[in-house]
Amino acid sequence: MQRTVKKQFWLNQEENRDLKDKAERTCLTEAALLRLLIKGFEPKEKPDSRFYEAMRELSALGNRFNQIAIKANALGFIDAPMLEKELEKLNRFQLKVEQQFLMPEKNREKWQ
């Protein structure tokens, strides 16, 4: 969506610091942060390094599961559908963790 409307407004020094700080903590530009807030979303702060390490481990685990499923299917000595089902559960878990740590949430009570 192309943005064609320009808005200009004034902030005091404290408001300016707050906006800059919150934009930095969420890894968004000030404009992107304001657009999310206007839409009723509350962005989450960038997670610390523990989150990214956990995501790398989950990704590696998922890759191993996938390799096991491919090999088991080729050799025919393991229940490949069951293993693939477990891989799907792992992928859903990874998505849930990403949503919890990274995705902005819609706050239906504010600004509506």
C-alpha atoms as a PDB file:
ATOM      1  CA  MET A   1       0.000   0.000   0.000  1.00  0.00           C
ATOM      2  CA  GLN A   2       1.437   3.325  -1.027  1.00  0.00           C
ATOM      3  CA  ARG A   3       1.394   6.035   1.605  1.00  0.00           C
ATOM      4  CA  THR A   4       0.414   9.392   0.154  1.00  0.00           C
ATOM      5  CA  VAL A   5      -0.627  11.363   3.254  1.00  0.00           C
ATOM      6  CA  LYS A   6       2.015  13.187   5.274  1.00  0.00           C
ATOM      7  CA  LYS A   7       1.366  14.060   8.918  1.00  0.00           C
ATOM      8  CA  GLN A   8       3.487  16.464  10.909  1.00  0.00           C
ATOM      9  CA  PHE A   9       3.155  16.890  14.658  1.00  0.00           C
ATOM     10  CA  TRP A  10       5.142  18.146  17.601  1.00  0.00           C
ATOM     11  CA  LEU A  11       6.519  16.227  20.598  1.00  0.00           C
ATOM     12  CA  ASN A  12       8.222  17.452  23.713  1.00  0.00           C
ATOM     13  CA  GLN A  13      11.710  16.161  24.589  1.00  0.00           C
ATOM     14  CA  GLU A  14      10.410  13.382  26.853  1.00  0.00           C
ATOM     15  CA  GLU A  15       7.894  12.150  24.268  1.00  0.00           C
ATOM     16  CA  ASN A  16      10.585  12.217  21.609  1.00  0.00           C
ATOM     17  CA  ARG A  17      12.951  10.139  23.805  1.00  0.00           C
ATOM     18  CA  ASP A  18      10.129   7.685  24.568  1.00  0.00           C
ATOM     19  CA  LEU A  19       9.283   7.263  20.889  1.00  0.00           C
ATOM     20  CA  LYS A  20      12.927   6.769  19.910  1.00  0.00           C
ATOM     21  CA  ASP A  21      13.492   4.304  22.766  1.00  0.00           C
ATOM     22  CA  LYS A  22      10.389   2.259  21.972  1.00  0.00           C
ATOM     23  CA  ALA A  23      11.213   2.171  18.263  1.00  0.00           C
ATOM     24  CA  GLU A  24      14.736   0.951  19.060  1.00  0.00           C
ATOM     25  CA  ARG A  25      13.500  -1.719  21.485  1.00  0.00           C
ATOM     26  CA  THR A  26      11.080  -3.089  18.888  1.00  0.00           C
ATOM     27  CA  CYS A  27      13.547  -2.751  15.982  1.00  0.00           C
ATOM     28  CA  LEU A  28      11.028  -0.641  14.073  1.00  0.00           C
ATOM     29  CA  THR A  29      11.245   2.803  12.601  1.00  0.00           C
ATOM     30  CA  GLU A  30       9.357   5.482  14.476  1.00  0.00           C
ATOM     31  CA  ALA A  31       6.852   5.692  11.616  1.00  0.00           C
ATOM     32  CA  ALA A  32       6.300   1.920  11.539  1.00  0.00           C
ATOM     33  CA  LEU A  33       5.803   1.884  15.304  1.00  0.00           C
ATOM     34  CA  LEU A  34       3.211   4.672  15.107  1.00  0.00           C
ATOM     35  CA  ARG A  35       1.353   2.906  12.272  1.00  0.00           C
ATOM     36  CA  LEU A  36       1.133  -0.311  14.334  1.00  0.00           C
ATOM     37  CA  LEU A  37      -0.100   1.587  17.387  1.00  0.00           C
ATOM     38  CA  ILE A  38      -2.730   3.396  15.309  1.00  0.00           C
ATOM     39  CA  LYS A  39      -4.006   0.022  14.077  1.00  0.00           C
ATOM     40  CA  GLY A  40      -4.320  -1.176  17.679  1.00  0.00           C
ATOM     41  CA  PHE A  41      -1.268  -3.455  17.756  1.00  0.00           C
ATOM     42  CA  GLU A  42       1.234  -3.531  20.588  1.00  0.00           C
ATOM     43  CA  PRO A  43       4.642  -4.464  19.161  1.00  0.00           C
ATOM     44  CA  LYS A  44       6.914  -6.654  21.222  1.00  0.00           C
ATOM     45  CA  GLU A  45      10.430  -5.771  22.135  1.00  0.00           C
ATOM     46  CA  LYS A  46      13.215  -7.528  20.314  1.00  0.00           C
ATOM     47  CA  PRO A  47      13.970 -10.710  22.253  1.00  0.00           C
ATOM     48  CA  ASP A  48      17.365 -11.265  23.764  1.00  0.00           C
ATOM     49  CA  SER A  49      19.972 -13.662  22.410  1.00  0.00           C
ATOM     50  CA  ARG A  50      18.420 -16.637  24.264  1.00  0.00           C
ATOM     51  CA  PHE A  51      15.435 -16.536  21.938  1.00  0.00           C
ATOM     52  CA  TYR A  52      17.589 -16.644  18.811  1.00  0.00           C
ATOM     53  CA  GLU A  53      19.701 -19.470  20.208  1.00  0.00           C
ATOM     54  CA  ALA A  54      16.532 -21.437  20.980  1.00  0.00           C
ATOM     55  CA  MET A  55      15.239 -20.808  17.470  1.00  0.00           C
ATOM     56  CA  ARG A  56      18.531 -22.034  15.955  1.00  0.00           C
ATOM     57  CA  GLU A  57      18.325 -25.181  18.049  1.00  0.00           C
ATOM     58  CA  LEU A  58      14.704 -25.755  17.077  1.00  0.00           C
ATOM     59  CA  SER A  59      15.544 -25.241  13.433  1.00  0.00           C
ATOM     60  CA  ALA A  60      18.431 -27.714  13.641  1.00  0.00           C
ATOM     61  CA  LEU A  61      16.177 -30.204  15.394  1.00  0.00           C
ATOM     62  CA  GLY A  62      13.554 -29.789  12.704  1.00  0.00           C
ATOM     63  CA  ASN A  63      16.143 -30.385   9.993  1.00  0.00           C
ATOM     64  CA  ARG A  64      17.257 -33.568  11.732  1.00  0.00           C
ATOM     65  CA  PHE A  65      13.671 -34.777  12.011  1.00  0.00           C
ATOM     66  CA  ASN A  66      13.193 -34.116   8.331  1.00  0.00           C
ATOM     67  CA  GLN A  67      16.363 -36.019   7.412  1.00  0.00           C
ATOM     68  CA  ILE A  68      15.277 -38.933   9.590  1.00  0.00           C
ATOM     69  CA  ALA A  69      11.857 -38.982   7.932  1.00  0.00           C
ATOM     70  CA  ILE A  70      13.364 -38.988   4.443  1.00  0.00           C
ATOM     71  CA  LYS A  71      15.799 -41.789   5.296  1.00  0.00           C
ATOM     72  CA  ALA A  72      13.182 -43.826   7.152  1.00  0.00           C
ATOM     73  CA  ASN A  73      10.777 -43.507   4.247  1.00  0.00           C
ATOM     74  CA  ALA A  74      13.466 -44.639   1.800  1.00  0.00           C
ATOM     75  CA  LEU A  75      14.515 -47.623   3.938  1.00  0.00           C
ATOM     76  CA  GLY A  76      10.985 -48.464   4.997  1.00  0.00           C
ATOM     77  CA  PHE A  77      11.745 -49.538   8.573  1.00  0.00           C
ATOM     78  CA  ILE A  78      10.217 -46.688  10.580  1.00  0.00           C
ATOM     79  CA  ASP A  79       6.744 -45.195  10.707  1.00  0.00           C
ATOM     80  CA  ALA A  80       7.378 -42.263   8.408  1.00  0.00           C
ATOM     81  CA  PRO A  81       3.833 -40.797   8.696  1.00  0.00           C
ATOM     82  CA  MET A  82       4.152 -40.742  12.486  1.00  0.00           C
ATOM     83  CA  LEU A  83       7.548 -39.114  12.297  1.00  0.00           C
ATOM     84  CA  GLU A  84       6.266 -36.522   9.836  1.00  0.00           C
ATOM     85  CA  LYS A  85       3.364 -35.825  12.188  1.00  0.00           C
ATOM     86  CA  GLU A  86       5.863 -35.146  14.968  1.00  0.00           C
ATOM     87  CA  LEU A  87       7.787 -32.841  12.649  1.00  0.00           C
ATOM     88  CA  GLU A  88       4.585 -30.895  12.012  1.00  0.00           C
ATOM     89  CA  LYS A  89       4.111 -30.527  15.785  1.00  0.00           C
ATOM     90  CA  LEU A  90       7.651 -29.227  16.078  1.00  0.00           C
ATOM     91  CA  ASN A  91       7.055 -26.703  13.297  1.00  0.00           C
ATOM     92  CA  ARG A  92       3.843 -25.510  14.999  1.00  0.00           C
ATOM     93  CA  PHE A  93       5.773 -25.116  18.244  1.00  0.00           C
ATOM     94  CA  GLN A  94       8.425 -23.050  16.492  1.00  0.00           C
ATOM     95  CA  LEU A  95       5.747 -20.806  14.984  1.00  0.00           C
ATOM     96  CA  LYS A  96       4.098 -20.416  18.390  1.00  0.00           C
ATOM     97  CA  VAL A  97       7.416 -19.356  19.947  1.00  0.00           C
ATOM     98  CA  GLU A  98       8.023 -16.858  17.131  1.00  0.00           C
ATOM     99  CA  GLN A  99       4.538 -15.430  17.559  1.00  0.00           C
ATOM    100  CA  GLN A 100       4.993 -15.100  21.302  1.00  0.00           C
ATOM    101  CA  PHE A 101       8.362 -13.372  21.089  1.00  0.00           C
ATOM    102  CA  LEU A 102       8.204 -11.447  17.811  1.00  0.00           C
ATOM    103  CA  MET A 103       4.757 -10.809  16.392  1.00  0.00           C
ATOM    104  CA  PRO A 104       2.818  -7.710  17.413  1.00  0.00           C
ATOM    105  CA  GLU A 105      -0.447  -8.405  19.176  1.00  0.00           C
ATOM    106  CA  LYS A 106      -3.769  -6.817  18.349  1.00  0.00           C
ATOM    107  CA  ASN A 107      -5.145  -5.042  21.400  1.00  0.00           C
ATOM    108  CA  ARG A 108      -8.873  -4.905  20.813  1.00  0.00           C
ATOM    109  CA  GLU A 109      -9.597  -2.773  23.863  1.00  0.00           C
ATOM    110  CA  LYS A 110      -7.451   0.229  23.032  1.00  0.00           C
ATOM    111  CA  TRP A 111      -8.124   2.823  20.363  1.00  0.00           C
ATOM    112  CA  GLN A 112     -11.211   1.067  19.048  1.00  0.00           C
END
